[in-house]
C-alpha atoms as a PDB file:
ATOM      1  CA  MET A   1      40.306   5.309  -3.332  1.00  0.00           C
ATOM      2  CA  SER A   2      41.027   8.810  -2.061  1.00  0.00           C
ATOM      3  CA  PRO A   3      40.149   9.895   1.498  1.00  0.00           C
ATOM      4  CA  ARG A   4      36.787  11.553   1.954  1.00  0.00           C
ATOM      5  CA  ARG A   5      36.847  15.304   1.596  1.00  0.00           C
ATOM      6  CA  VAL A   6      35.419  17.219   4.534  1.00  0.00           C
ATOM      7  CA  GLN A   7      34.451  20.843   4.835  1.00  0.00           C
ATOM      8  CA  GLN A   8      36.754  22.827   7.071  1.00  0.00           C
ATOM      9  CA  ALA A   9      35.190  24.164  10.236  1.00  0.00           C
ATOM     10  CA  SER A  10      36.071  27.535  11.629  1.00  0.00           C
ATOM     11  CA  ARG A  11      35.805  26.304  15.216  1.00  0.00           C
ATOM     12  CA  PRO A  12      37.553  22.962  15.774  1.00  0.00           C
ATOM     13  CA  ASP A  13      36.417  22.970  19.412  1.00  0.00           C
ATOM     14  CA  GLU A  14      32.826  22.294  18.383  1.00  0.00           C
ATOM     15  CA  THR A  15      33.354  19.859  15.521  1.00  0.00           C
ATOM     16  CA  GLY A  16      36.414  17.853  16.497  1.00  0.00           C
ATOM     17  CA  ARG A  17      38.009  18.642  13.107  1.00  0.00           C
ATOM     18  CA  TRP A  18      41.336  20.431  12.959  1.00  0.00           C
ATOM     19  CA  GLN A  19      43.434  21.675  10.078  1.00  0.00           C
ATOM     20  CA  LEU A  20      46.944  20.272  10.429  1.00  0.00           C
ATOM     21  CA  GLN A  21      48.613  23.612  11.118  1.00  0.00           C
ATOM     22  CA  GLU A  22      46.022  24.413  13.810  1.00  0.00           C
ATOM     23  CA  ALA A  23      46.390  20.937  15.364  1.00  0.00           C
ATOM     24  CA  LYS A  24      50.175  21.370  15.514  1.00  0.00           C
ATOM     25  CA  ALA A  25      49.888  24.813  17.093  1.00  0.00           C
ATOM     26  CA  ARG A  26      47.341  23.641  19.672  1.00  0.00           C
ATOM     27  CA  PHE A  27      48.367  20.002  20.113  1.00  0.00           C
ATOM     28  CA  SER A  28      47.885  19.996  23.893  1.00  0.00           C
ATOM     29  CA  GLU A  29      44.313  21.115  23.363  1.00  0.00           C
ATOM     30  CA  VAL A  30      43.751  18.488  20.650  1.00  0.00           C
ATOM     31  CA  VAL A  31      44.875  15.788  23.093  1.00  0.00           C
ATOM     32  CA  ARG A  32      42.788  17.209  25.942  1.00  0.00           C
ATOM     33  CA  ARG A  33      39.696  17.290  23.714  1.00  0.00           C
ATOM     34  CA  ALA A  34      40.349  13.724  22.545  1.00  0.00           C
ATOM     35  CA  VAL A  35      40.191  12.639  26.189  1.00  0.00           C
ATOM     36  CA  GLU A  36      37.204  14.791  27.151  1.00  0.00           C
ATOM     37  CA  CYS A  37      35.107  14.883  23.958  1.00  0.00           C
ATOM     38  CA  GLY A  38      36.144  11.967  21.784  1.00  0.00           C
ATOM     39  CA  PRO A  39      38.177  11.487  18.605  1.00  0.00           C
ATOM     40  CA  GLN A  40      39.694  14.592  17.023  1.00  0.00           C
ATOM     41  CA  HIS A  41      40.056  14.525  13.224  1.00  0.00           C
ATOM     42  CA  VAL A  42      43.037  16.181  11.537  1.00  0.00           C
ATOM     43  CA  THR A  43      42.714  17.328   7.935  1.00  0.00           C
ATOM     44  CA  VAL A  44      45.271  18.226   5.283  1.00  0.00           C
ATOM     45  CA  ASN A  45      44.023  20.231   2.309  1.00  0.00           C
ATOM     46  CA  GLY A  46      40.455  19.458   3.361  1.00  0.00           C
ATOM     47  CA  GLU A  47      40.959  15.660   3.491  1.00  0.00           C
ATOM     48  CA  GLU A  48      40.919  13.638   6.687  1.00  0.00           C
ATOM     49  CA  ARG A  49      44.398  12.240   7.289  1.00  0.00           C
ATOM     50  CA  ALA A  50      44.582  11.314  10.972  1.00  0.00           C
ATOM     51  CA  VAL A  51      42.538  10.883  14.128  1.00  0.00           C
ATOM     52  CA  VAL A  52      43.750  11.587  17.657  1.00  0.00           C
ATOM     53  CA  LEU A  53      42.215   9.184  20.179  1.00  0.00           C
ATOM     54  CA  SER A  54      42.324   8.939  23.939  1.00  0.00           C
ATOM     55  CA  THR A  55      44.176   5.927  25.301  1.00  0.00           C
ATOM     56  CA  GLU A  56      40.854   4.580  26.577  1.00  0.00           C
ATOM     57  CA  ASP A  57      39.311   4.714  23.083  1.00  0.00           C
ATOM     58  CA  TYR A  58      42.423   3.178  21.524  1.00  0.00           C
ATOM     59  CA  VAL A  59      42.484   0.240  23.956  1.00  0.00           C
ATOM     60  CA  ARG A  60      38.752  -0.301  23.491  1.00  0.00           C
ATOM     61  CA  LEU A  61      39.152  -0.429  19.701  1.00  0.00           C
ATOM     62  CA  ARG A  62      42.427  -2.353  19.577  1.00  0.00           C
ATOM     63  CA  GLY A  63      42.083  -4.540  22.653  1.00  0.00           C
ATOM     64  CA  GLN A  64      44.722  -5.392  25.199  1.00  0.00           C
ATOM     65  CA  PRO A  65      47.626  -7.381  23.732  1.00  0.00           C
ATOM     66  CA  THR A  66      47.448 -10.525  25.854  1.00  0.00           C
ATOM     67  CA  GLY A  67      48.385 -13.264  23.407  1.00  0.00           C
ATOM     68  CA  ARG A  68      45.023 -14.912  24.067  1.00  0.00           C
ATOM     69  CA  ALA A  69      44.134 -14.888  20.356  1.00  0.00           C
ATOM     70  CA  LEU A  70      47.306 -16.846  19.520  1.00  0.00           C
ATOM     71  CA  VAL A  71      46.658 -19.390  22.277  1.00  0.00           C
ATOM     72  CA  ASP A  72      43.061 -19.849  21.074  1.00  0.00           C
ATOM     73  CA  LEU A  73      44.188 -20.187  17.464  1.00  0.00           C
ATOM     74  CA  MET A  74      46.703 -22.879  18.346  1.00  0.00           C
ATOM     75  CA  ALA A  75      44.228 -24.730  20.571  1.00  0.00           C
ATOM     76  CA  ASP A  76      41.603 -24.764  17.803  1.00  0.00           C
ATOM     77  CA  SER A  77      44.086 -25.854  15.138  1.00  0.00           C
ATOM     78  CA  PRO A  78      43.592 -29.252  13.459  1.00  0.00           C
ATOM     79  CA  LEU A  79      47.228 -29.882  14.400  1.00  0.00           C
ATOM     80  CA  ALA A  80      46.632 -29.335  18.120  1.00  0.00           C
ATOM     81  CA  ASP A  81      47.263 -33.031  18.839  1.00  0.00           C
ATOM     82  CA  VAL A  82      50.670 -33.114  17.146  1.00  0.00           C
ATOM     83  CA  ILE A  83      53.448 -33.786  19.617  1.00  0.00           C
ATOM     84  CA  PHE A  84      56.858 -32.446  18.761  1.00  0.00           C
ATOM     85  CA  GLU A  85      59.855 -34.408  19.956  1.00  0.00           C
ATOM     86  CA  HIS A  86      63.047 -32.574  20.498  1.00  0.00           C
ATOM     87  CA  PRO A  87      66.364 -34.066  21.495  1.00  0.00           C
ATOM     88  CA  LYS A  88      67.790 -33.071  24.824  1.00  0.00           C
ATOM     89  CA  VAL A  89      70.938 -31.099  24.299  1.00  0.00           C
ATOM     90  CA  LYS A  90      73.748 -31.351  26.783  1.00  0.00           C
ATOM     91  CA  GLY A  91      76.700 -29.084  26.525  1.00  0.00           C
ATOM     92  CA  PRO A  92      79.732 -28.342  28.566  1.00  0.00           C
ATOM     93  CA  VAL A  93      79.258 -26.111  31.587  1.00  0.00           C
ATOM     94  CA  ARG A  94      81.830 -23.491  32.232  1.00  0.00           C
ATOM     95  CA  ALA A  95      82.845 -22.232  35.633  1.00  0.00           C
ATOM     96  CA  VAL A  96      81.643 -18.746  36.417  1.00  0.00           C
ATOM     97  CA  THR A  97      82.989 -16.687  39.261  1.00  0.00           C
ATOM     98  CA  LEU A  98      80.400 -14.493  40.942  1.00  0.00           C
END
């Protein structure tokens, strides 16, 4: 499925849509507007190809990577009661001068 075609706007400041060459030339402004006004859409040949988001929007959409989902998945697993035995490994200790 091809990306949705969008009509190019003459004033990216009002619409949040930027042609790639304009976004490259005014990247600082694209980033500033992403923070102040919301997502900024970048188009190539009239098709949306990328979106510039503020960090706040990105974290809200993606979530903070805490590992909580993995812990919950393992706790809810039908194998949660399995106990793994592992042999204790003893090896030689070498002298280290500090």
